[in-house]
C-alpha atoms as a PDB file:
ATOM      1  CA  MET A   1     131.125 -98.402  84.758  1.00  0.00           C
ATOM      2  CA  ASP A   2     130.430 -94.729  84.291  1.00  0.00           C
ATOM      3  CA  LYS A   3     130.692 -93.116  80.849  1.00  0.00           C
ATOM      4  CA  GLU A   4     133.964 -91.298  81.448  1.00  0.00           C
ATOM      5  CA  THR A   5     135.678 -94.440  82.745  1.00  0.00           C
ATOM      6  CA  LEU A   6     134.387 -96.386  79.747  1.00  0.00           C
ATOM      7  CA  LYS A   7     135.773 -93.824  77.264  1.00  0.00           C
ATOM      8  CA  ARG A   8     139.142 -93.677  79.025  1.00  0.00           C
ATOM      9  CA  THR A   9     139.349 -97.475  79.149  1.00  0.00           C
ATOM     10  CA  ILE A  10     138.659 -97.640  75.397  1.00  0.00           C
ATOM     11  CA  TYR A  11     141.343 -94.963  74.902  1.00  0.00           C
ATOM     12  CA  ASP A  12     143.833 -97.073  76.892  1.00  0.00           C
ATOM     13  CA  ILE A  13     142.957-100.173  74.838  1.00  0.00           C
ATOM     14  CA  VAL A  14     143.470 -98.236  71.593  1.00  0.00           C
ATOM     15  CA  CYS A  15     146.788 -96.813  72.842  1.00  0.00           C
ATOM     16  CA  ASP A  16     148.024-100.310  73.731  1.00  0.00           C
ATOM     17  CA  ALA A  17     147.217-101.619  70.236  1.00  0.00           C
ATOM     18  CA  VAL A  18     148.405 -98.681  68.123  1.00  0.00           C
ATOM     19  CA  GLU A  19     152.054 -98.049  67.477  1.00  0.00           C
ATOM     20  CA  GLY A  20     152.285 -94.284  67.490  1.00  0.00           C
ATOM     21  CA  LYS A  21     150.291 -91.417  68.851  1.00  0.00           C
ATOM     22  CA  VAL A  22     146.571 -91.599  69.628  1.00  0.00           C
ATOM     23  CA  THR A  23     144.898 -88.212  69.942  1.00  0.00           C
ATOM     24  CA  ASN A  24     141.662 -87.746  71.849  1.00  0.00           C
ATOM     25  CA  TYR A  25     139.093 -85.075  71.162  1.00  0.00           C
ATOM     26  CA  GLU A  26     135.869 -84.015  72.801  1.00  0.00           C
ATOM     27  CA  ASN A  27     136.733 -85.478  76.203  1.00  0.00           C
ATOM     28  CA  PHE A  28     137.754 -88.919  74.818  1.00  0.00           C
ATOM     29  CA  SER A  29     134.654 -89.223  72.599  1.00  0.00           C
ATOM     30  CA  ARG A  30     136.761 -89.166  69.418  1.00  0.00           C
ATOM     31  CA  LEU A  31     140.064 -90.992  69.096  1.00  0.00           C
ATOM     32  CA  SER A  32     142.336 -90.604  66.116  1.00  0.00           C
ATOM     33  CA  CYS A  33     145.526 -92.340  65.031  1.00  0.00           C
ATOM     34  CA  LYS A  34     147.361 -93.052  61.791  1.00  0.00           C
ATOM     35  CA  TYR A  35     144.964 -95.914  60.927  1.00  0.00           C
ATOM     36  CA  PHE A  36     141.485 -94.647  61.778  1.00  0.00           C
ATOM     37  CA  THR A  37     139.194 -92.298  63.631  1.00  0.00           C
ATOM     38  CA  LEU A  38     136.955 -93.852  66.261  1.00  0.00           C
ATOM     39  CA  ASP A  39     133.857 -92.033  67.585  1.00  0.00           C
ATOM     40  CA  ILE A  40     132.346 -93.248  70.862  1.00  0.00           C
ATOM     41  CA  GLU A  41     128.694 -92.298  71.219  1.00  0.00           C
ATOM     42  CA  LEU A  42     127.168 -92.899  74.645  1.00  0.00           C
ATOM     43  CA  GLU A  43     124.355 -90.374  74.560  1.00  0.00           C
ATOM     44  CA  ASP A  44     121.914 -89.170  71.942  1.00  0.00           C
ATOM     45  CA  ILE A  45     122.376 -92.173  69.680  1.00  0.00           C
ATOM     46  CA  ASN A  46     119.943 -91.182  66.933  1.00  0.00           C
ATOM     47  CA  SER A  47     119.004 -94.684  65.914  1.00  0.00           C
ATOM     48  CA  ILE A  48     119.336 -96.543  69.238  1.00  0.00           C
ATOM     49  CA  ASP A  49     115.778 -97.889  69.270  1.00  0.00           C
ATOM     50  CA  PHE A  50     116.093 -99.023  65.666  1.00  0.00           C
ATOM     51  CA  LEU A  51     119.440-100.704  66.394  1.00  0.00           C
ATOM     52  CA  ARG A  52     118.077-102.500  69.449  1.00  0.00           C
ATOM     53  CA  GLU A  53     115.095-103.813  67.506  1.00  0.00           C
ATOM     54  CA  GLU A  54     117.014-104.587  64.307  1.00  0.00           C
ATOM     55  CA  TYR A  55     119.763-106.620  65.993  1.00  0.00           C
ATOM     56  CA  GLY A  56     117.851-107.925  69.009  1.00  0.00           C
ATOM     57  CA  MET A  57     120.454-106.625  71.441  1.00  0.00           C
ATOM     58  CA  GLU A  58     120.406-104.171  74.319  1.00  0.00           C
ATOM     59  CA  ILE A  59     122.746-101.693  72.652  1.00  0.00           C
ATOM     60  CA  ASN A  60     123.906 -98.796  74.796  1.00  0.00           C
ATOM     61  CA  VAL A  61     127.121 -97.671  73.062  1.00  0.00           C
ATOM     62  CA  GLU A  62     127.747 -96.984  69.413  1.00  0.00           C
ATOM     63  CA  ILE A  63     131.287 -96.790  68.081  1.00  0.00           C
ATOM     64  CA  GLY A  64     131.715 -95.393  64.592  1.00  0.00           C
ATOM     65  CA  ILE A  65     134.970 -96.150  62.814  1.00  0.00           C
ATOM     66  CA  GLN A  66     136.480 -94.552  59.732  1.00  0.00           C
ATOM     67  CA  LEU A  67     139.491 -96.503  58.462  1.00  0.00           C
ATOM     68  CA  PHE A  68     141.964 -94.560  56.352  1.00  0.00           C
ATOM     69  CA  GLY A  69     142.342 -96.073  52.877  1.00  0.00           C
ATOM     70  CA  LYS A  70     146.110 -95.754  52.630  1.00  0.00           C
ATOM     71  CA  LEU A  71     146.650 -97.996  55.674  1.00  0.00           C
ATOM     72  CA  PHE A  72     143.369 -99.939  55.461  1.00  0.00           C
ATOM     73  CA  SER A  73     144.774-103.482  55.848  1.00  0.00           C
ATOM     74  CA  GLU A  74     147.115-102.573  58.694  1.00  0.00           C
ATOM     75  CA  GLY A  75     144.405-100.515  60.386  1.00  0.00           C
ATOM     76  CA  LEU A  76     141.882-103.326  60.123  1.00  0.00           C
ATOM     77  CA  GLU A  77     144.258-105.705  61.868  1.00  0.00           C
ATOM     78  CA  VAL A  78     144.843-103.190  64.670  1.00  0.00           C
ATOM     79  CA  LEU A  79     141.095-102.659  64.894  1.00  0.00           C
ATOM     80  CA  PHE A  80     140.404-106.375  65.339  1.00  0.00           C
ATOM     81  CA  GLU A  81     143.101-106.514  68.019  1.00  0.00           C
ATOM     82  CA  ILE A  82     141.259-103.657  69.752  1.00  0.00           C
ATOM     83  CA  PHE A  83     137.947-105.543  69.451  1.00  0.00           C
ATOM     84  CA  GLY A  84     139.583-108.592  71.060  1.00  0.00           C
ATOM     85  CA  ASN A  85     140.911-106.464  73.903  1.00  0.00           C
ATOM     86  CA  MET A  86     137.485-104.838  74.390  1.00  0.00           C
ATOM     87  CA  VAL A  87     135.879-108.269  74.560  1.00  0.00           C
ATOM     88  CA  ILE A  88     138.346-109.256  77.292  1.00  0.00           C
ATOM     89  CA  ALA A  89     137.914-105.970  79.185  1.00  0.00           C
ATOM     90  CA  PHE A  90     134.122-105.570  78.987  1.00  0.00           C
ATOM     91  CA  ASN A  91     132.655-108.917  77.815  1.00  0.00           C
ATOM     92  CA  PRO A  92     129.993-107.066  75.830  1.00  0.00           C
ATOM     93  CA  ASN A  93     127.463-108.455  73.460  1.00  0.00           C
ATOM     94  CA  MET A  94     128.174-106.569  70.267  1.00  0.00           C
ATOM     95  CA  VAL A  95     127.427-106.360  66.590  1.00  0.00           C
ATOM     96  CA  PHE A  96     129.924-105.176  63.978  1.00  0.00           C
ATOM     97  CA  VAL A  97     128.241-103.698  60.935  1.00  0.00           C
ATOM     98  CA  GLU A  98     129.640-102.205  57.766  1.00  0.00           C
ATOM     99  CA  ASN A  99     127.992 -99.153  56.248  1.00  0.00           C
ATOM    100  CA  GLY A 100     125.429 -99.155  59.039  1.00  0.00           C
ATOM    101  CA  THR A 101     123.525-102.263  57.891  1.00  0.00           C
ATOM    102  CA  ASP A 102     125.646-105.254  56.825  1.00  0.00           C
ATOM    103  CA  GLN A 103     126.335-107.491  59.827  1.00  0.00           C
ATOM    104  CA  ILE A 104     129.901-108.739  59.555  1.00  0.00           C
ATOM    105  CA  PHE A 105     129.921-110.496  62.922  1.00  0.00           C
ATOM    106  CA  ARG A 106     128.245-110.392  66.272  1.00  0.00           C
ATOM    107  CA  LYS A 107     129.365-111.519  69.693  1.00  0.00           C
ATOM    108  CA  GLU A 108     126.802-113.075  71.966  1.00  0.00           C
ATOM    109  CA  ASP A 109     127.733-114.475  75.352  1.00  0.00           C
ATOM    110  CA  ALA A 110     131.158-116.078  74.813  1.00  0.00           C
ATOM    111  CA  THR A 111     130.888-116.821  71.089  1.00  0.00           C
ATOM    112  CA  VAL A 112     131.396-114.883  67.873  1.00  0.00           C
ATOM    113  CA  ILE A 113     128.997-115.515  65.000  1.00  0.00           C
ATOM    114  CA  ILE A 114     130.553-114.709  61.635  1.00  0.00           C
ATOM    115  CA  ASN A 115     128.148-113.876  58.829  1.00  0.00           C
ATOM    116  CA  SER A 116     128.431-116.625  56.221  1.00  0.00           C
ATOM    117  CA  LYS A 117     126.792-114.397  53.600  1.00  0.00           C
ATOM    118  CA  LEU A 118     129.454-111.779  52.956  1.00  0.00           C
ATOM    119  CA  ASP A 119     130.377-110.212  49.651  1.00  0.00           C
ATOM    120  CA  GLN A 120     133.799-110.837  48.092  1.00  0.00           C
ATOM    121  CA  TYR A 121     135.351-107.730  49.673  1.00  0.00           C
ATOM    122  CA  GLN A 122     134.036-108.467  53.153  1.00  0.00           C
ATOM    123  CA  GLN A 123     135.278-112.063  52.884  1.00  0.00           C
ATOM    124  CA  LYS A 124     138.709-110.803  51.872  1.00  0.00           C
ATOM    125  CA  TYR A 125     139.217-108.670  54.969  1.00  0.00           C
ATOM    126  CA  LEU A 126     137.539-111.053  57.385  1.00  0.00           C
ATOM    127  CA  SER A 127     140.289-113.648  57.240  1.00  0.00           C
ATOM    128  CA  ASP A 128     140.925-116.375  59.800  1.00  0.00           C
ATOM    129  CA  LYS A 129     143.784-114.250  61.146  1.00  0.00           C
ATOM    130  CA  MET A 130     141.411-111.356  61.835  1.00  0.00           C
ATOM    131  CA  ILE A 131     138.811-113.593  63.435  1.00  0.00           C
ATOM    132  CA  THR A 132     141.369-115.154  65.785  1.00  0.00           C
ATOM    133  CA  LEU A 133     142.297-111.654  67.015  1.00  0.00           C
ATOM    134  CA  LEU A 134     138.863-111.617  68.689  1.00  0.00           C
ATOM    135  CA  ARG A 135     140.145-114.440  70.956  1.00  0.00           C
ATOM    136  CA  LEU A 136     136.824-116.266  71.249  1.00  0.00           C
ATOM    137  CA  PRO A 137     135.305-119.412  69.770  1.00  0.00           C
ATOM    138  CA  TYR A 138     133.403-118.704  66.572  1.00  0.00           C
ATOM    139  CA  PHE A 139     131.189-120.279  63.987  1.00  0.00           C
ATOM    140  CA  PHE A 140     129.683-119.223  60.674  1.00  0.00           C
ATOM    141  CA  GLN A 141     125.993-118.554  60.230  1.00  0.00           C
ATOM    142  CA  GLU A 142     123.990-116.436  57.818  1.00  0.00           C
ATOM    143  CA  LEU A 143     123.051-113.193  59.560  1.00  0.00           C
ATOM    144  CA  PRO A 144     120.289-110.914  58.272  1.00  0.00           C
ATOM    145  CA  ASN A 145     121.236-107.559  56.792  1.00  0.00           C
END
């Protein structure tokens, strides 16, 4: 699909998952709600070649997310619901990284691979409940960081 349709579809997915207002900025490239800000980068991804090589995936969209601390737990649950809905809508291969390097999980084909080597904080927020929101079979495997 074209870039504008992709951004609007992501906006619709976010609106469906978030209770309350979702504001879009910069022609749907930045979405903001009470839980987080989500930046959709389709062009000029500074590190696209590095990301493709590092994760062995044909990455063509980068989505940066800033969760708000006050509603972190609630926002994370909404975010995983959004990921599940994106998987259904687009069936992408994807990698979810924290702080730009730590692989939390990746989706390849129809399976989610959960990193079995997470720190205590990452393990805490990657509960079974969150994983099931992705709505795909999963298994644990150590992923490089």
